[in-house]
Amino acid sequence: MSATRNIGIFGGTFDPVHLGHLHLAGLARESMALDEVRFLPCRISPHKTATAPASGEDRCEMLRRATAGLPWAVVDDSELHQTGPSYSYQTAESLAAQFPGSRLFWIMGSDQWEALPRWKFPERLAKCVEFIVLARGEAPQPRAGYRLHLISGDHPASATAIRNTIAGGATPPYDWLHPAVAEWIFEKGLYR
């Protein structure tokens, strides 16, 4: 493995992973010539504490199924082995130590870019990574000390809508889910 690599970091609950996530990862990969994109399902999101997500094992399996045909995708379950909430700065510092000399890119939507000042120690995260932000509508504004790369694109998929549709007894939009992910959801009875 060469010392200098471009590594995308895509964290989230992935509850469930949907084609919008894969679309964003693909756009980020192409725009910044990423060697890999690491999908990191969090154990507990500090921003989503109202309801518990599907188990880490189920979310990892859905990620493995969704990314099986993508040689550049890596499912990284390291946050699932932590106790307490998953903080992005800790993950980034750990990956910076694991991949010295590599360029790390944090992939996020513009909504998270706007929320970033409220994250725990965002300045420590910014020391480790450059940010790839998907602009939806109006372009996000740069911040001093934060390296920002904008990409544009759109996908209608929503994990919340998928969960709510299944909970309501209806069939979720299959064009939002990888077929192997939909199969796992129904096989395990998730989100009912």
N, C-alpha and C. Protein backbone atom coordinates (compact mmCIF):
# COMPACT_ATOMS: atom_id res chain seq x y z
N MET A 1 0.85 -1.17 0.00
CA MET A 1 0.00 0.00 0.00
C MET A 1 0.89 1.23 0.00
N SER A 2 0.62 2.16 -0.92
CA SER A 2 1.42 3.38 -0.97
C SER A 2 1.08 4.27 0.21
N ALA A 3 2.04 5.09 0.62
CA ALA A 3 1.85 5.92 1.80
C ALA A 3 0.81 7.00 1.58
N THR A 4 0.81 7.61 0.39
CA THR A 4 -0.13 8.69 0.13
C THR A 4 -1.34 8.15 -0.61
N ARG A 5 -2.46 8.20 0.08
CA ARG A 5 -3.72 7.75 -0.51
C ARG A 5 -4.78 8.78 -0.19
N ASN A 6 -5.80 8.83 -1.04
CA ASN A 6 -6.96 9.69 -0.80
C ASN A 6 -8.07 8.80 -0.26
N ILE A 7 -8.45 9.02 0.99
CA ILE A 7 -9.43 8.16 1.65
C ILE A 7 -10.65 8.98 2.05
N GLY A 8 -11.79 8.56 1.55
CA GLY A 8 -13.05 9.17 1.93
C GLY A 8 -13.60 8.49 3.17
N ILE A 9 -14.15 9.27 4.08
CA ILE A 9 -14.76 8.77 5.30
C ILE A 9 -16.23 9.17 5.27
N PHE A 10 -17.10 8.18 5.29
CA PHE A 10 -18.53 8.45 5.22
C PHE A 10 -19.17 7.80 6.44
N GLY A 11 -19.44 8.62 7.45
CA GLY A 11 -20.04 8.12 8.68
C GLY A 11 -21.54 8.37 8.69
N GLY A 12 -22.23 7.59 9.50
CA GLY A 12 -23.67 7.77 9.64
C GLY A 12 -24.31 6.57 10.30
N THR A 13 -25.61 6.67 10.48
CA THR A 13 -26.31 5.52 11.05
C THR A 13 -26.55 4.45 9.99
N PHE A 14 -26.75 4.86 8.73
CA PHE A 14 -27.03 3.91 7.64
C PHE A 14 -28.15 2.96 8.08
N ASP A 15 -29.29 3.56 8.42
CA ASP A 15 -30.39 2.82 9.03
C ASP A 15 -31.68 2.99 8.24
N PRO A 16 -31.78 2.42 7.03
CA PRO A 16 -30.82 1.56 6.34
C PRO A 16 -29.97 2.36 5.35
N VAL A 17 -28.90 1.72 4.87
CA VAL A 17 -28.14 2.29 3.76
C VAL A 17 -29.06 2.27 2.55
N HIS A 18 -29.04 3.35 1.77
CA HIS A 18 -29.88 3.41 0.58
C HIS A 18 -29.05 3.91 -0.61
N LEU A 19 -29.68 3.93 -1.76
CA LEU A 19 -28.95 4.28 -2.98
C LEU A 19 -28.49 5.74 -2.99
N GLY A 20 -29.13 6.60 -2.21
CA GLY A 20 -28.66 7.98 -2.08
C GLY A 20 -27.29 8.03 -1.42
N HIS A 21 -27.08 7.18 -0.42
CA HIS A 21 -25.75 7.10 0.22
C HIS A 21 -24.69 6.68 -0.80
N LEU A 22 -25.01 5.67 -1.59
CA LEU A 22 -24.05 5.17 -2.58
C LEU A 22 -23.80 6.21 -3.67
N HIS A 23 -24.86 6.94 -4.04
CA HIS A 23 -24.72 8.00 -5.04
C HIS A 23 -23.76 9.08 -4.54
N LEU A 24 -23.95 9.52 -3.29
CA LEU A 24 -23.08 10.55 -2.72
C LEU A 24 -21.63 10.05 -2.63
N ALA A 25 -21.44 8.81 -2.18
CA ALA A 25 -20.09 8.25 -2.09
C ALA A 25 -19.43 8.20 -3.46
N GLY A 26 -20.18 7.81 -4.47
CA GLY A 26 -19.64 7.74 -5.83
C GLY A 26 -19.26 9.11 -6.37
N LEU A 27 -20.11 10.12 -6.11
CA LEU A 27 -19.79 11.49 -6.53
C LEU A 27 -18.51 11.99 -5.85
N ALA A 28 -18.41 11.72 -4.55
CA ALA A 28 -17.23 12.15 -3.79
C ALA A 28 -15.98 11.46 -4.33
N ARG A 29 -16.09 10.17 -4.58
CA ARG A 29 -14.95 9.40 -5.09
C ARG A 29 -14.46 9.97 -6.42
N GLU A 30 -15.40 10.23 -7.32
CA GLU A 30 -15.02 10.76 -8.64
C GLU A 30 -14.44 12.17 -8.53
N SER A 31 -15.05 13.02 -7.73
CA SER A 31 -14.63 14.43 -7.69
C SER A 31 -13.24 14.61 -7.09
N MET A 32 -12.88 13.78 -6.11
CA MET A 32 -11.59 13.96 -5.44
C MET A 32 -10.63 12.79 -5.69
N ALA A 33 -10.92 11.97 -6.67
CA ALA A 33 -10.07 10.82 -7.02
C ALA A 33 -9.72 10.00 -5.78
N LEU A 34 -10.76 9.63 -5.04
CA LEU A 34 -10.54 8.86 -3.81
C LEU A 34 -10.15 7.43 -4.14
N ASP A 35 -9.16 6.91 -3.43
CA ASP A 35 -8.76 5.52 -3.60
C ASP A 35 -9.76 4.57 -2.96
N GLU A 36 -10.39 5.04 -1.89
CA GLU A 36 -11.42 4.23 -1.23
C GLU A 36 -12.35 5.15 -0.47
N VAL A 37 -13.55 4.64 -0.22
CA VAL A 37 -14.51 5.31 0.66
C VAL A 37 -14.82 4.33 1.77
N ARG A 38 -14.57 4.77 3.01
CA ARG A 38 -14.83 3.94 4.19
C ARG A 38 -16.20 4.31 4.75
N PHE A 39 -17.11 3.36 4.73
CA PHE A 39 -18.44 3.54 5.30
C PHE A 39 -18.36 3.14 6.77
N LEU A 40 -18.64 4.09 7.66
CA LEU A 40 -18.51 3.87 9.10
C LEU A 40 -19.86 4.01 9.79
N PRO A 41 -20.56 2.90 10.00
CA PRO A 41 -21.81 3.00 10.76
C PRO A 41 -21.49 3.31 12.23
N CYS A 42 -22.19 4.29 12.78
CA CYS A 42 -21.93 4.65 14.17
C CYS A 42 -22.73 3.75 15.11
N ARG A 43 -22.19 3.61 16.31
CA ARG A 43 -22.90 2.83 17.32
C ARG A 43 -24.09 3.63 17.84
N ILE A 44 -23.81 4.83 18.29
CA ILE A 44 -24.85 5.76 18.74
C ILE A 44 -24.52 7.12 18.17
N SER A 45 -25.43 7.68 17.39
CA SER A 45 -25.20 9.03 16.87
C SER A 45 -25.53 10.05 17.95
N PRO A 46 -24.62 10.98 18.24
CA PRO A 46 -24.93 12.00 19.23
C PRO A 46 -26.07 12.91 18.79
N HIS A 47 -26.39 12.88 17.49
CA HIS A 47 -27.43 13.77 16.93
C HIS A 47 -28.78 13.06 16.80
N LYS A 48 -28.81 11.75 17.02
CA LYS A 48 -30.05 10.99 16.84
C LYS A 48 -30.24 10.06 18.04
N THR A 49 -30.61 10.63 19.16
CA THR A 49 -30.72 9.82 20.37
C THR A 49 -32.16 9.46 20.73
N ALA A 50 -33.13 9.95 19.96
CA ALA A 50 -34.53 9.70 20.30
C ALA A 50 -34.92 8.24 20.13
N THR A 51 -34.42 7.60 19.09
CA THR A 51 -34.75 6.20 18.85
C THR A 51 -33.49 5.42 18.55
N ALA A 52 -33.48 4.17 18.96
CA ALA A 52 -32.32 3.31 18.69
C ALA A 52 -32.37 2.81 17.25
N PRO A 53 -31.25 2.77 16.57
CA PRO A 53 -31.23 2.24 15.20
C PRO A 53 -31.28 0.71 15.22
N ALA A 54 -31.39 0.14 14.02
CA ALA A 54 -31.26 -1.32 13.90
C ALA A 54 -29.89 -1.70 14.47
N SER A 55 -29.71 -2.97 14.78
CA SER A 55 -28.45 -3.40 15.38
C SER A 55 -27.27 -3.07 14.47
N GLY A 56 -26.11 -2.92 15.08
CA GLY A 56 -24.89 -2.68 14.31
C GLY A 56 -24.62 -3.81 13.34
N GLU A 57 -24.90 -5.04 13.74
CA GLU A 57 -24.69 -6.20 12.87
C GLU A 57 -25.58 -6.10 11.63
N ASP A 58 -26.85 -5.72 11.83
CA ASP A 58 -27.76 -5.60 10.68
C ASP A 58 -27.32 -4.46 9.75
N ARG A 59 -26.93 -3.33 10.34
CA ARG A 59 -26.53 -2.20 9.50
C ARG A 59 -25.24 -2.50 8.74
N CYS A 60 -24.30 -3.22 9.38
CA CYS A 60 -23.07 -3.62 8.69
C CYS A 60 -23.38 -4.60 7.55
N GLU A 61 -24.26 -5.54 7.81
CA GLU A 61 -24.61 -6.50 6.77
C GLU A 61 -25.26 -5.80 5.58
N MET A 62 -26.14 -4.84 5.87
CA MET A 62 -26.77 -4.09 4.77
C MET A 62 -25.71 -3.31 3.99
N LEU A 63 -24.74 -2.72 4.69
CA LEU A 63 -23.66 -2.00 4.01
C LEU A 63 -22.82 -2.95 3.16
N ARG A 64 -22.49 -4.12 3.71
CA ARG A 64 -21.70 -5.10 2.93
C ARG A 64 -22.45 -5.51 1.67
N ARG A 65 -23.75 -5.73 1.80
CA ARG A 65 -24.55 -6.12 0.64
C ARG A 65 -24.63 -4.99 -0.40
N ALA A 66 -24.83 -3.77 0.08
CA ALA A 66 -24.97 -2.63 -0.83
C ALA A 66 -23.68 -2.31 -1.58
N THR A 67 -22.53 -2.57 -0.94
CA THR A 67 -21.24 -2.20 -1.53
C THR A 67 -20.48 -3.38 -2.13
N ALA A 68 -21.09 -4.55 -2.15
CA ALA A 68 -20.40 -5.77 -2.60
C ALA A 68 -19.78 -5.62 -3.99
N GLY A 69 -20.40 -4.88 -4.87
CA GLY A 69 -19.87 -4.73 -6.23
C GLY A 69 -19.00 -3.51 -6.42
N LEU A 70 -18.63 -2.84 -5.34
CA LEU A 70 -17.84 -1.60 -5.43
C LEU A 70 -16.46 -1.84 -4.85
N PRO A 71 -15.45 -2.06 -5.70
CA PRO A 71 -14.11 -2.39 -5.19
C PRO A 71 -13.48 -1.28 -4.35
N TRP A 72 -13.96 -0.07 -4.46
CA TRP A 72 -13.41 1.07 -3.73
C TRP A 72 -14.09 1.28 -2.37
N ALA A 73 -15.13 0.51 -2.08
CA ALA A 73 -15.88 0.69 -0.83
C ALA A 73 -15.38 -0.25 0.26
N VAL A 74 -15.22 0.29 1.47
CA VAL A 74 -14.78 -0.48 2.63
C VAL A 74 -15.81 -0.27 3.74
N VAL A 75 -16.33 -1.34 4.30
CA VAL A 75 -17.21 -1.23 5.46
C VAL A 75 -16.33 -1.35 6.71
N ASP A 76 -16.31 -0.28 7.49
CA ASP A 76 -15.44 -0.19 8.67
C ASP A 76 -16.34 -0.15 9.91
N ASP A 77 -16.30 -1.21 10.71
CA ASP A 77 -17.18 -1.30 11.87
C ASP A 77 -16.53 -0.82 13.17
N SER A 78 -15.45 -0.07 13.08
CA SER A 78 -14.70 0.32 14.28
C SER A 78 -15.54 1.12 15.27
N GLU A 79 -16.43 1.99 14.81
CA GLU A 79 -17.24 2.78 15.74
C GLU A 79 -18.22 1.91 16.51
N LEU A 80 -18.60 0.78 15.95
CA LEU A 80 -19.56 -0.10 16.62
C LEU A 80 -18.97 -0.76 17.86
N HIS A 81 -17.64 -0.78 17.97
CA HIS A 81 -16.98 -1.41 19.10
C HIS A 81 -16.65 -0.43 20.23
N GLN A 82 -17.03 0.82 20.05
CA GLN A 82 -16.79 1.83 21.07
C GLN A 82 -17.95 1.83 22.07
N THR A 83 -17.71 2.43 23.22
CA THR A 83 -18.80 2.64 24.16
C THR A 83 -19.25 4.09 24.04
N GLY A 84 -20.49 4.34 24.27
CA GLY A 84 -21.01 5.70 24.19
C GLY A 84 -21.18 6.16 22.76
N PRO A 85 -21.52 7.45 22.59
CA PRO A 85 -21.74 8.00 21.26
C PRO A 85 -20.48 7.97 20.40
N SER A 86 -20.68 7.98 19.09
CA SER A 86 -19.58 8.02 18.13
C SER A 86 -19.31 9.48 17.78
N TYR A 87 -18.13 9.97 18.13
CA TYR A 87 -17.77 11.34 17.82
C TYR A 87 -16.81 11.35 16.63
N SER A 88 -17.13 12.17 15.65
CA SER A 88 -16.38 12.20 14.41
C SER A 88 -14.91 12.56 14.61
N TYR A 89 -14.62 13.49 15.51
CA TYR A 89 -13.22 13.88 15.69
C TYR A 89 -12.38 12.70 16.16
N GLN A 90 -12.95 11.83 17.02
CA GLN A 90 -12.21 10.66 17.50
C GLN A 90 -11.94 9.69 16.36
N THR A 91 -12.95 9.47 15.53
CA THR A 91 -12.79 8.58 14.38
C THR A 91 -11.73 9.12 13.44
N ALA A 92 -11.78 10.41 13.16
CA ALA A 92 -10.81 11.01 12.23
C ALA A 92 -9.40 10.93 12.79
N GLU A 93 -9.22 11.20 14.08
CA GLU A 93 -7.89 11.12 14.68
C GLU A 93 -7.36 9.68 14.64
N SER A 94 -8.24 8.73 14.87
CA SER A 94 -7.83 7.32 14.80
C SER A 94 -7.42 6.93 13.38
N LEU A 95 -8.19 7.36 12.39
CA LEU A 95 -7.87 7.02 11.00
C LEU A 95 -6.60 7.75 10.54
N ALA A 96 -6.38 8.97 11.01
CA ALA A 96 -5.14 9.70 10.67
C ALA A 96 -3.93 8.94 11.20
N ALA A 97 -4.06 8.36 12.39
CA ALA A 97 -2.95 7.56 12.95
C ALA A 97 -2.79 6.24 12.19
N GLN A 98 -3.90 5.68 11.75
CA GLN A 98 -3.88 4.40 11.04
C GLN A 98 -3.32 4.54 9.62
N PHE A 99 -3.56 5.70 9.00
CA PHE A 99 -3.13 5.92 7.61
C PHE A 99 -2.24 7.17 7.53
N PRO A 100 -1.06 7.15 8.14
CA PRO A 100 -0.21 8.34 8.13
C PRO A 100 0.19 8.70 6.69
N GLY A 101 0.21 9.99 6.42
CA GLY A 101 0.59 10.46 5.09
C GLY A 101 -0.54 10.47 4.08
N SER A 102 -1.69 9.92 4.44
CA SER A 102 -2.83 9.92 3.52
C SER A 102 -3.65 11.18 3.69
N ARG A 103 -4.36 11.56 2.62
CA ARG A 103 -5.31 12.66 2.68
C ARG A 103 -6.65 12.08 3.06
N LEU A 104 -7.26 12.58 4.13
CA LEU A 104 -8.55 12.10 4.59
C LEU A 104 -9.62 13.14 4.24
N PHE A 105 -10.74 12.64 3.72
CA PHE A 105 -11.85 13.49 3.32
C PHE A 105 -13.12 13.03 4.04
N TRP A 106 -13.78 13.95 4.73
CA TRP A 106 -15.03 13.64 5.43
C TRP A 106 -16.18 13.98 4.49
N ILE A 107 -17.01 13.01 4.18
CA ILE A 107 -18.12 13.18 3.23
C ILE A 107 -19.40 13.48 4.01
N MET A 108 -20.09 14.53 3.60
CA MET A 108 -21.32 14.91 4.30
C MET A 108 -22.24 15.71 3.39
N GLY A 109 -23.49 15.82 3.80
CA GLY A 109 -24.45 16.67 3.12
C GLY A 109 -24.37 18.09 3.65
N SER A 110 -24.97 19.02 2.94
CA SER A 110 -24.90 20.43 3.34
C SER A 110 -25.61 20.66 4.68
N ASP A 111 -26.60 19.84 5.02
CA ASP A 111 -27.28 19.99 6.31
C ASP A 111 -26.30 19.73 7.46
N GLN A 112 -25.45 18.72 7.30
CA GLN A 112 -24.45 18.43 8.34
C GLN A 112 -23.34 19.49 8.36
N TRP A 113 -22.99 20.03 7.20
CA TRP A 113 -22.01 21.11 7.16
C TRP A 113 -22.52 22.30 7.98
N GLU A 114 -23.81 22.60 7.85
CA GLU A 114 -24.39 23.71 8.62
C GLU A 114 -24.39 23.40 10.11
N ALA A 115 -24.59 22.12 10.47
CA ALA A 115 -24.64 21.71 11.88
C ALA A 115 -23.25 21.52 12.49
N LEU A 116 -22.22 21.47 11.67
CA LEU A 116 -20.87 21.13 12.13
C LEU A 116 -20.37 21.96 13.33
N PRO A 117 -20.63 23.26 13.41
CA PRO A 117 -20.15 24.01 14.58
C PRO A 117 -20.72 23.48 15.91
N ARG A 118 -21.82 22.75 15.87
CA ARG A 118 -22.42 22.19 17.09
C ARG A 118 -21.91 20.79 17.40
N TRP A 119 -21.08 20.21 16.53
CA TRP A 119 -20.50 18.90 16.79
C TRP A 119 -19.46 19.03 17.90
N LYS A 120 -19.10 17.93 18.50
CA LYS A 120 -18.09 17.94 19.56
C LYS A 120 -16.70 18.12 18.94
N PHE A 121 -16.00 19.13 19.35
CA PHE A 121 -14.64 19.46 18.89
C PHE A 121 -14.50 19.45 17.36
N PRO A 122 -15.30 20.25 16.65
CA PRO A 122 -15.20 20.27 15.19
C PRO A 122 -13.83 20.74 14.70
N GLU A 123 -13.15 21.57 15.50
CA GLU A 123 -11.83 22.06 15.08
C GLU A 123 -10.80 20.92 15.07
N ARG A 124 -10.97 19.94 15.95
CA ARG A 124 -10.07 18.78 15.93
C ARG A 124 -10.35 17.92 14.70
N LEU A 125 -11.61 17.78 14.34
CA LEU A 125 -11.97 17.07 13.11
C LEU A 125 -11.36 17.78 11.91
N ALA A 126 -11.48 19.10 11.87
CA ALA A 126 -10.99 19.88 10.74
C ALA A 126 -9.47 19.81 10.58
N LYS A 127 -8.73 19.54 11.67
CA LYS A 127 -7.28 19.39 11.56
C LYS A 127 -6.90 18.10 10.84
N CYS A 128 -7.78 17.11 10.89
CA CYS A 128 -7.48 15.78 10.33
C CYS A 128 -7.98 15.59 8.91
N VAL A 129 -9.06 16.30 8.55
CA VAL A 129 -9.73 15.99 7.29
C VAL A 129 -10.01 17.23 6.46
N GLU A 130 -10.26 16.96 5.19
CA GLU A 130 -10.86 17.94 4.29
C GLU A 130 -12.31 17.51 4.15
N PHE A 131 -13.20 18.45 3.88
CA PHE A 131 -14.63 18.15 3.84
C PHE A 131 -15.13 18.14 2.40
N ILE A 132 -15.79 17.06 2.03
CA ILE A 132 -16.49 16.99 0.76
C ILE A 132 -17.97 17.13 1.10
N VAL A 133 -18.58 18.21 0.63
CA VAL A 133 -19.95 18.52 1.00
C VAL A 133 -20.83 18.52 -0.24
N LEU A 134 -21.91 17.75 -0.16
CA LEU A 134 -22.90 17.71 -1.24
C LEU A 134 -23.79 18.92 -1.09
N ALA A 135 -23.73 19.80 -2.08
CA ALA A 135 -24.54 21.01 -2.05
C ALA A 135 -25.93 20.70 -2.60
N ARG A 136 -26.93 20.91 -1.77
CA ARG A 136 -28.32 20.78 -2.21
C ARG A 136 -28.89 22.19 -2.21
N GLY A 137 -29.17 22.71 -3.38
CA GLY A 137 -29.67 24.08 -3.45
C GLY A 137 -28.53 25.07 -3.31
N GLU A 138 -28.66 25.99 -2.35
CA GLU A 138 -27.67 27.03 -2.16
C GLU A 138 -26.35 26.44 -1.66
N ALA A 139 -25.25 26.92 -2.23
CA ALA A 139 -23.93 26.39 -1.88
C ALA A 139 -23.57 26.73 -0.44
N PRO A 140 -23.06 25.75 0.31
CA PRO A 140 -22.60 26.01 1.68
C PRO A 140 -21.47 27.03 1.69
N GLN A 141 -21.41 27.80 2.75
CA GLN A 141 -20.39 28.83 2.88
C GLN A 141 -19.12 28.26 3.50
N PRO A 142 -17.95 28.66 2.98
CA PRO A 142 -16.68 28.22 3.57
C PRO A 142 -16.54 28.73 5.01
N ARG A 143 -15.68 28.04 5.78
CA ARG A 143 -15.37 28.45 7.15
C ARG A 143 -13.86 28.54 7.29
N ALA A 144 -13.39 29.52 8.00
CA ALA A 144 -11.95 29.67 8.23
C ALA A 144 -11.43 28.44 8.97
N GLY A 145 -10.34 27.88 8.45
CA GLY A 145 -9.71 26.72 9.07
C GLY A 145 -10.29 25.38 8.62
N TYR A 146 -11.29 25.42 7.76
CA TYR A 146 -11.92 24.19 7.26
C TYR A 146 -11.70 24.11 5.76
N ARG A 147 -11.16 22.99 5.30
CA ARG A 147 -10.91 22.80 3.87
C ARG A 147 -12.15 22.19 3.24
N LEU A 148 -12.81 22.94 2.38
CA LEU A 148 -14.12 22.57 1.82
C LEU A 148 -14.02 22.30 0.32
N HIS A 149 -14.60 21.17 -0.09
CA HIS A 149 -14.74 20.82 -1.50
C HIS A 149 -16.22 20.58 -1.75
N LEU A 150 -16.81 21.33 -2.66
CA LEU A 150 -18.24 21.18 -2.94
C LEU A 150 -18.46 20.24 -4.12
N ILE A 151 -19.48 19.40 -3.98
CA ILE A 151 -19.94 18.58 -5.10
C ILE A 151 -21.44 18.78 -5.19
N SER A 152 -21.99 18.55 -6.37
CA SER A 152 -23.43 18.69 -6.50
C SER A 152 -24.02 17.43 -7.11
N GLY A 153 -25.23 17.19 -6.75
CA GLY A 153 -25.95 16.02 -7.21
C GLY A 153 -27.17 15.87 -6.34
N ASP A 154 -28.05 14.96 -6.73
CA ASP A 154 -29.27 14.81 -5.95
C ASP A 154 -29.77 13.38 -6.05
N HIS A 155 -30.39 12.94 -5.00
CA HIS A 155 -31.04 11.62 -4.97
C HIS A 155 -32.18 11.74 -3.97
N PRO A 156 -33.35 11.23 -4.32
CA PRO A 156 -34.51 11.44 -3.44
C PRO A 156 -34.57 10.52 -2.21
N ALA A 157 -33.71 9.51 -2.11
CA ALA A 157 -33.83 8.51 -1.05
C ALA A 157 -33.70 9.13 0.34
N SER A 158 -34.47 8.58 1.27
CA SER A 158 -34.47 9.02 2.66
C SER A 158 -34.63 7.80 3.55
N ALA A 159 -33.67 7.61 4.46
CA ALA A 159 -33.75 6.48 5.39
C ALA A 159 -34.98 6.60 6.29
N THR A 160 -35.29 7.82 6.72
CA THR A 160 -36.47 8.03 7.56
C THR A 160 -37.73 7.62 6.82
N ALA A 161 -37.86 8.04 5.56
CA ALA A 161 -39.04 7.68 4.77
C ALA A 161 -39.12 6.17 4.57
N ILE A 162 -37.99 5.52 4.35
CA ILE A 162 -37.97 4.06 4.18
C ILE A 162 -38.46 3.38 5.45
N ARG A 163 -37.92 3.78 6.59
CA ARG A 163 -38.34 3.18 7.88
C ARG A 163 -39.82 3.42 8.15
N ASN A 164 -40.28 4.66 7.93
CA ASN A 164 -41.68 5.00 8.20
C ASN A 164 -42.63 4.24 7.28
N THR A 165 -42.24 4.07 6.03
CA THR A 165 -43.08 3.34 5.08
C THR A 165 -43.23 1.89 5.51
N ILE A 166 -42.12 1.27 5.90
CA ILE A 166 -42.16 -0.13 6.34
C ILE A 166 -42.95 -0.24 7.64
N ALA A 167 -42.73 0.68 8.58
CA ALA A 167 -43.45 0.66 9.86
C ALA A 167 -44.95 0.79 9.65
N GLY A 168 -45.34 1.52 8.60
CA GLY A 168 -46.75 1.69 8.28
C GLY A 168 -47.36 0.52 7.53
N GLY A 169 -46.54 -0.51 7.28
CA GLY A 169 -47.06 -1.70 6.61
C GLY A 169 -47.02 -1.66 5.10
N ALA A 170 -46.47 -0.59 4.53
CA ALA A 170 -46.39 -0.48 3.07
C ALA A 170 -45.03 -0.94 2.57
N THR A 171 -44.94 -1.11 1.29
CA THR A 171 -43.69 -1.52 0.65
C THR A 171 -42.85 -0.27 0.38
N PRO A 172 -41.60 -0.26 0.81
CA PRO A 172 -40.76 0.92 0.55
C PRO A 172 -40.44 1.05 -0.93
N PRO A 173 -40.05 2.24 -1.36
CA PRO A 173 -39.68 2.43 -2.77
C PRO A 173 -38.43 1.60 -3.09
N TYR A 174 -38.61 0.55 -3.89
CA TYR A 174 -37.49 -0.32 -4.20
C TYR A 174 -36.40 0.39 -4.99
N ASP A 175 -36.76 1.46 -5.69
CA ASP A 175 -35.72 2.18 -6.44
C ASP A 175 -34.83 3.00 -5.51
N TRP A 176 -35.08 2.97 -4.20
CA TRP A 176 -34.22 3.63 -3.22
C TRP A 176 -33.28 2.65 -2.53
N LEU A 177 -33.51 1.35 -2.70
CA LEU A 177 -32.74 0.33 -1.99
C LEU A 177 -32.06 -0.64 -2.94
N HIS A 178 -30.84 -1.02 -2.60
CA HIS A 178 -30.18 -2.11 -3.31
C HIS A 178 -31.03 -3.36 -3.06
N PRO A 179 -31.27 -4.19 -4.09
CA PRO A 179 -32.12 -5.37 -3.89
C PRO A 179 -31.67 -6.28 -2.75
N ALA A 180 -30.36 -6.43 -2.56
CA ALA A 180 -29.86 -7.29 -1.48
C ALA A 180 -30.12 -6.67 -0.11
N VAL A 181 -30.20 -5.33 -0.04
CA VAL A 181 -30.53 -4.65 1.21
C VAL A 181 -32.02 -4.84 1.51
N ALA A 182 -32.85 -4.65 0.49
CA ALA A 182 -34.29 -4.86 0.68
C ALA A 182 -34.57 -6.29 1.14
N GLU A 183 -33.87 -7.23 0.55
CA GLU A 183 -34.03 -8.64 0.93
C GLU A 183 -33.69 -8.85 2.40
N TRP A 184 -32.59 -8.24 2.87
CA TRP A 184 -32.18 -8.37 4.28
C TRP A 184 -33.23 -7.75 5.22
N ILE A 185 -33.74 -6.58 4.85
CA ILE A 185 -34.73 -5.89 5.67
C ILE A 185 -35.95 -6.78 5.88
N PHE A 186 -36.42 -7.38 4.80
CA PHE A 186 -37.63 -8.20 4.91
C PHE A 186 -37.34 -9.55 5.55
N GLU A 187 -36.17 -10.10 5.27
CA GLU A 187 -35.79 -11.38 5.88
C GLU A 187 -35.70 -11.25 7.40
N LYS A 188 -35.17 -10.11 7.88
CA LYS A 188 -35.00 -9.89 9.32
C LYS A 188 -36.18 -9.19 9.98
N GLY A 189 -37.14 -8.75 9.17
CA GLY A 189 -38.29 -8.04 9.73
C GLY A 189 -37.94 -6.69 10.34
N LEU A 190 -36.96 -6.01 9.76
CA LEU A 190 -36.52 -4.72 10.30
C LEU A 190 -37.55 -3.63 10.04
N TYR A 191 -37.60 -2.68 10.96
CA TYR A 191 -38.41 -1.45 10.88
C TYR A 191 -39.92 -1.67 10.96
N ARG A 192 -40.36 -2.86 11.35
CA ARG A 192 -41.80 -3.09 11.47
C ARG A 192 -42.29 -2.67 12.84
